[in-house]
Amino acid sequence: MDFEDEDWNDTGGGNFDPFEGLVNNDDNPEHHYQTTDPLVPLSQGPLCDSIPFDAFEYPEPLIQNVIASVNLSTDLNLRLIAISARNAEYNPTKVNAVVVRVRNPKCTGLLFRSGRMMVTGARSETDAHIGGKKIAKLCLKVGHPSLRFRGFKVENMIASADCGFPVRLEGLAHDHSSYCSYEPEMFSGLVYRYHPLESYKAVLLVFVSGKVILTGCRTIDHVNQVFRAIFPVLSQYRK
């Protein structure tokens, strides 16, 4: 049977068991942040223009979660998938999607009736791709012969980094008030929105400890570029 131009056997090696590697747990899939607010780029912010990037040693951000989407090109029978897979969950009163969890690589798939699948919880784009293929092949085996694995796309990457020093969030919020918000009574982190271009934007959560969460990126290069842009700014507010 022809499955399309994707290599269906590329799922980590060995013969594929559609139920192997599935794990049952109650953890909710990780969510990702979104923003559509137009904002000023960091390079145009106060006190940034005179700082050369090569004057700093940058900690390397670590990818914590990759969210990807796939088009399976067919309508899915969610109830059939739920009763056929040992570790699939389906509660249409809460969310109209089947939740399937994979152990290796560790990730979670959300299957919608339209044939759209979201993969979340993976630590790399490769893991998200392999996990998505495993879930797609499970759907194929339980009764969706026209299924195809198409349009794999990373929608969001969530990364974390540690600046190595505490940050004065009050001063940062005051000087960069145009594109950040800080309300410590409601949330302990400062929200910094980085939006130099319409197709190039990210949201950063900065904590007083120097920990930074980056979201809204779609590639590792994007993650690194955004952190390299914010790090010189944060270093000016070192406690």
Protein backbone atom coordinates (compact mmCIF):
# COMPACT_ATOMS: atom_id res chain seq x y z
CA MET A 1 0.00 0.00 0.00
CA ASP A 2 1.33 3.42 -0.96
CA PHE A 3 1.33 5.82 1.98
CA GLU A 4 2.53 8.95 0.13
CA ASP A 5 6.07 10.22 -0.20
CA GLU A 6 6.80 9.97 3.55
CA ASP A 7 8.91 7.02 4.71
CA TRP A 8 6.54 5.27 7.12
CA ASN A 9 9.22 2.88 8.32
CA ASP A 10 11.33 5.74 9.68
CA THR A 11 10.02 5.47 13.24
CA GLY A 12 13.19 4.71 15.14
CA GLY A 13 14.19 1.36 13.66
CA GLY A 14 12.82 -2.20 13.87
CA ASN A 15 9.35 -3.57 13.13
CA PHE A 16 6.55 -1.22 14.14
CA ASP A 17 3.95 -2.23 16.71
CA PRO A 18 1.13 0.34 16.73
CA PHE A 19 0.60 -0.17 20.46
CA GLU A 20 4.25 -0.29 21.49
CA GLY A 21 5.61 2.69 23.32
CA LEU A 22 2.24 4.08 24.36
CA VAL A 23 2.00 5.16 27.98
CA ASN A 24 -1.05 6.03 30.06
CA ASN A 25 -0.78 9.04 32.34
CA ASP A 26 -2.97 11.92 33.34
CA ASP A 27 -0.63 14.80 32.47
CA ASN A 28 -2.26 17.42 30.33
CA PRO A 29 -0.44 18.35 27.12
CA GLU A 30 1.70 21.42 27.53
CA HIS A 31 0.20 24.60 26.16
CA HIS A 32 1.99 27.28 24.25
CA TYR A 33 1.74 31.00 24.35
CA GLN A 34 0.59 33.12 21.45
CA THR A 35 0.76 36.81 20.78
CA THR A 36 -0.35 39.03 17.95
CA ASP A 37 0.56 42.43 19.38
CA PRO A 38 2.86 44.51 17.13
CA LEU A 39 5.91 45.47 19.15
CA VAL A 40 9.22 47.24 18.81
CA PRO A 41 12.32 45.06 18.25
CA LEU A 42 14.82 44.75 21.08
CA SER A 43 17.51 46.28 18.89
CA GLN A 44 15.56 49.55 18.97
CA GLY A 45 15.05 49.51 22.74
CA PRO A 46 16.74 51.87 25.19
CA LEU A 47 20.39 51.32 26.08
CA CYS A 48 20.81 48.54 23.46
CA ASP A 49 22.41 50.19 20.47
CA SER A 50 25.93 50.48 21.90
CA ILE A 51 26.26 46.88 23.11
CA PRO A 52 28.14 44.53 20.76
CA PHE A 53 26.81 40.99 20.75
CA ASP A 54 30.31 39.52 20.91
CA ALA A 55 30.89 41.25 24.28
CA PHE A 56 28.93 38.49 26.04
CA GLU A 57 29.13 34.77 26.57
CA TYR A 58 25.66 33.44 26.02
CA PRO A 59 24.15 30.50 27.90
CA GLU A 60 22.61 28.04 25.49
CA PRO A 61 18.79 27.80 25.61
CA LEU A 62 17.39 24.29 26.05
CA ILE A 63 14.35 23.14 24.07
CA GLN A 64 11.64 21.97 26.48
CA ASN A 65 8.68 21.43 24.18
CA VAL A 66 8.05 21.26 20.43
CA ILE A 67 4.49 21.67 19.15
CA ALA A 68 3.88 20.50 15.58
CA SER A 69 0.90 19.96 13.31
CA VAL A 70 0.22 17.26 10.70
CA ASN A 71 -2.51 16.81 8.11
CA LEU A 72 -3.63 13.16 7.89
CA SER A 73 -5.75 13.90 4.78
CA THR A 74 -8.83 11.99 5.90
CA ASP A 75 -11.66 12.21 8.40
CA LEU A 76 -10.96 10.21 11.55
CA ASN A 77 -13.29 7.97 13.52
CA LEU A 78 -12.29 9.17 16.98
CA ARG A 79 -14.37 6.61 18.87
CA LEU A 80 -12.84 3.75 16.87
CA ILE A 81 -9.34 4.99 17.62
CA ALA A 82 -10.15 5.40 21.32
CA ILE A 83 -11.44 1.85 21.73
CA SER A 84 -8.71 0.29 19.57
CA ALA A 85 -5.67 1.91 21.19
CA ARG A 86 -4.88 0.85 24.73
CA ASN A 87 -3.65 4.22 25.91
CA ALA A 88 -5.84 6.64 24.01
CA GLU A 89 -8.25 8.91 25.83
CA TYR A 90 -11.45 10.36 24.41
CA ASN A 91 -13.78 12.58 26.40
CA PRO A 92 -15.82 14.68 23.95
CA THR A 93 -17.45 16.61 26.80
CA LYS A 94 -14.05 18.15 27.60
CA VAL A 95 -12.27 18.30 24.24
CA ASN A 96 -13.37 16.94 20.88
CA ALA A 97 -10.11 15.12 20.23
CA VAL A 98 -8.48 11.80 21.02
CA VAL A 99 -5.35 12.11 23.17
CA VAL A 100 -2.68 9.49 22.43
CA ARG A 101 0.54 9.35 24.45
CA VAL A 102 3.76 7.84 23.16
CA ARG A 103 6.60 6.71 25.41
CA ASN A 104 9.47 6.63 22.91
CA PRO A 105 9.96 9.34 21.86
CA LYS A 106 7.98 10.90 24.67
CA CYS A 107 5.22 13.05 23.19
CA THR A 108 1.45 13.44 23.05
CA GLY A 109 -0.78 13.51 20.00
CA LEU A 110 -4.19 15.19 19.73
CA LEU A 111 -6.29 13.74 16.91
CA PHE A 112 -9.23 15.72 15.57
CA ARG A 113 -12.13 14.44 13.50
CA SER A 114 -11.08 16.56 10.51
CA GLY A 115 -7.80 14.65 10.22
CA ARG A 116 -5.64 17.30 11.84
CA MET A 117 -3.12 16.10 14.41
CA MET A 118 -1.17 18.18 16.92
CA VAL A 119 1.99 16.73 18.45
CA THR A 120 3.22 18.24 21.70
CA GLY A 121 5.66 17.40 24.46
CA ALA A 122 8.58 16.39 22.22
CA ARG A 123 12.05 17.71 22.97
CA SER A 124 13.12 18.12 19.34
CA GLU A 125 11.67 18.45 15.85
CA THR A 126 12.93 14.95 15.02
CA ASP A 127 11.16 13.44 18.05
CA ALA A 128 7.94 15.24 17.13
CA HIS A 129 8.18 13.90 13.56
CA ILE A 130 8.83 10.31 14.65
CA GLY A 131 6.12 10.42 17.34
CA GLY A 132 3.64 11.83 14.84
CA LYS A 133 4.40 9.02 12.40
CA LYS A 134 3.84 6.38 15.08
CA ILE A 135 0.45 7.84 15.98
CA ALA A 136 -0.49 8.19 12.31
CA LYS A 137 0.40 4.55 11.60
CA LEU A 138 -1.72 3.47 14.56
CA CYS A 139 -4.68 5.30 12.99
CA LEU A 140 -3.91 3.62 9.66
CA LYS A 141 -3.94 0.15 11.18
CA VAL A 142 -7.23 0.54 13.08
CA GLY A 143 -9.24 1.39 9.99
CA HIS A 144 -8.25 4.49 7.99
CA PRO A 145 -6.79 3.09 4.74
CA SER A 146 -6.76 6.44 2.92
CA LEU A 147 -4.70 8.15 5.62
CA ARG A 148 -1.61 10.08 4.51
CA PHE A 149 1.09 11.81 6.58
CA ARG A 150 1.40 15.27 5.04
CA GLY A 151 2.26 18.83 5.92
CA PHE A 152 4.35 18.26 9.04
CA LYS A 153 5.07 21.72 10.45
CA VAL A 154 6.56 23.01 13.69
CA GLU A 155 4.12 25.54 15.13
CA ASN A 156 5.99 26.53 18.28
CA MET A 157 9.12 25.78 20.29
CA ILE A 158 9.35 26.46 24.00
CA ALA A 159 12.84 26.83 25.42
CA SER A 160 14.38 27.76 28.76
CA ALA A 161 17.62 29.49 29.63
CA ASP A 162 19.43 30.67 32.74
CA CYS A 163 21.22 34.02 32.61
CA GLY A 164 23.31 33.09 35.65
CA PHE A 165 22.44 36.23 37.59
CA PRO A 166 19.30 37.81 39.15
CA VAL A 167 17.50 40.52 37.18
CA ARG A 168 15.93 43.79 38.40
CA LEU A 169 12.54 43.37 36.77
CA GLU A 170 11.17 46.72 37.98
CA GLY A 171 13.89 48.65 36.15
CA LEU A 172 13.52 46.53 33.02
CA ALA A 173 9.74 47.07 33.01
CA HIS A 174 10.17 50.83 33.44
CA ASP A 175 12.75 51.29 30.67
CA HIS A 176 11.06 48.91 28.20
CA SER A 177 7.43 49.68 29.02
CA SER A 178 6.48 49.86 25.33
CA TYR A 179 6.90 46.14 24.76
CA CYS A 180 6.86 44.44 28.14
CA SER A 181 4.46 44.11 31.07
CA TYR A 182 5.13 43.32 34.71
CA GLU A 183 2.43 42.89 37.35
CA PRO A 184 4.05 41.07 40.30
CA GLU A 185 0.77 40.97 42.23
CA MET A 186 -0.69 38.70 39.54
CA PHE A 187 2.34 36.90 38.08
CA SER A 188 5.93 36.76 39.25
CA GLY A 189 7.44 36.93 35.77
CA LEU A 190 7.91 39.81 33.35
CA VAL A 191 6.41 39.31 29.89
CA TYR A 192 8.68 40.67 27.14
CA ARG A 193 7.30 40.64 23.60
CA TYR A 194 9.85 40.56 20.79
CA HIS A 195 8.38 41.41 17.40
CA PRO A 196 10.87 42.85 14.89
CA LEU A 197 9.00 41.46 11.85
CA GLU A 198 5.51 40.15 11.18
CA SER A 199 6.90 36.66 10.54
CA TYR A 200 9.50 36.81 13.29
CA LYS A 201 8.19 37.19 16.81
CA ALA A 202 8.50 35.64 20.23
CA VAL A 203 7.37 36.07 23.82
CA LEU A 204 9.79 35.80 26.73
CA LEU A 205 8.99 35.28 30.39
CA VAL A 206 11.77 36.72 32.54
CA PHE A 207 12.01 35.92 36.25
CA VAL A 208 13.94 37.71 38.98
CA SER A 209 16.17 34.65 39.39
CA GLY A 210 17.49 35.12 35.85
CA LYS A 211 15.51 32.23 34.40
CA VAL A 212 14.00 32.92 30.98
CA ILE A 213 11.27 31.05 29.09
CA LEU A 214 11.14 31.64 25.33
CA THR A 215 8.10 30.78 23.26
CA GLY A 216 6.74 31.60 19.82
CA CYS A 217 9.82 30.40 17.93
CA ARG A 218 9.70 27.77 15.19
CA THR A 219 13.36 26.86 14.77
CA ILE A 220 16.36 26.43 17.05
CA ASP A 221 18.12 29.25 15.20
CA HIS A 222 15.17 31.51 15.96
CA VAL A 223 15.40 30.57 19.66
CA ASN A 224 19.11 31.33 19.78
CA GLN A 225 18.75 34.64 17.92
CA VAL A 226 16.00 35.84 20.24
CA PHE A 227 17.99 34.94 23.35
CA ARG A 228 21.13 36.60 21.97
CA ALA A 229 19.04 39.74 21.49
CA ILE A 230 17.58 39.78 25.02
CA PHE A 231 20.69 38.72 26.96
CA PRO A 232 22.62 42.04 26.61
CA VAL A 233 19.49 43.85 27.79
CA LEU A 234 19.06 41.65 30.85
CA SER A 235 22.75 42.00 31.74
CA GLN A 236 22.20 45.74 32.23
CA TYR A 237 19.68 44.98 35.01
CA ARG A 238 21.86 42.53 36.89
CA LYS A 239 21.30 42.78 40.65
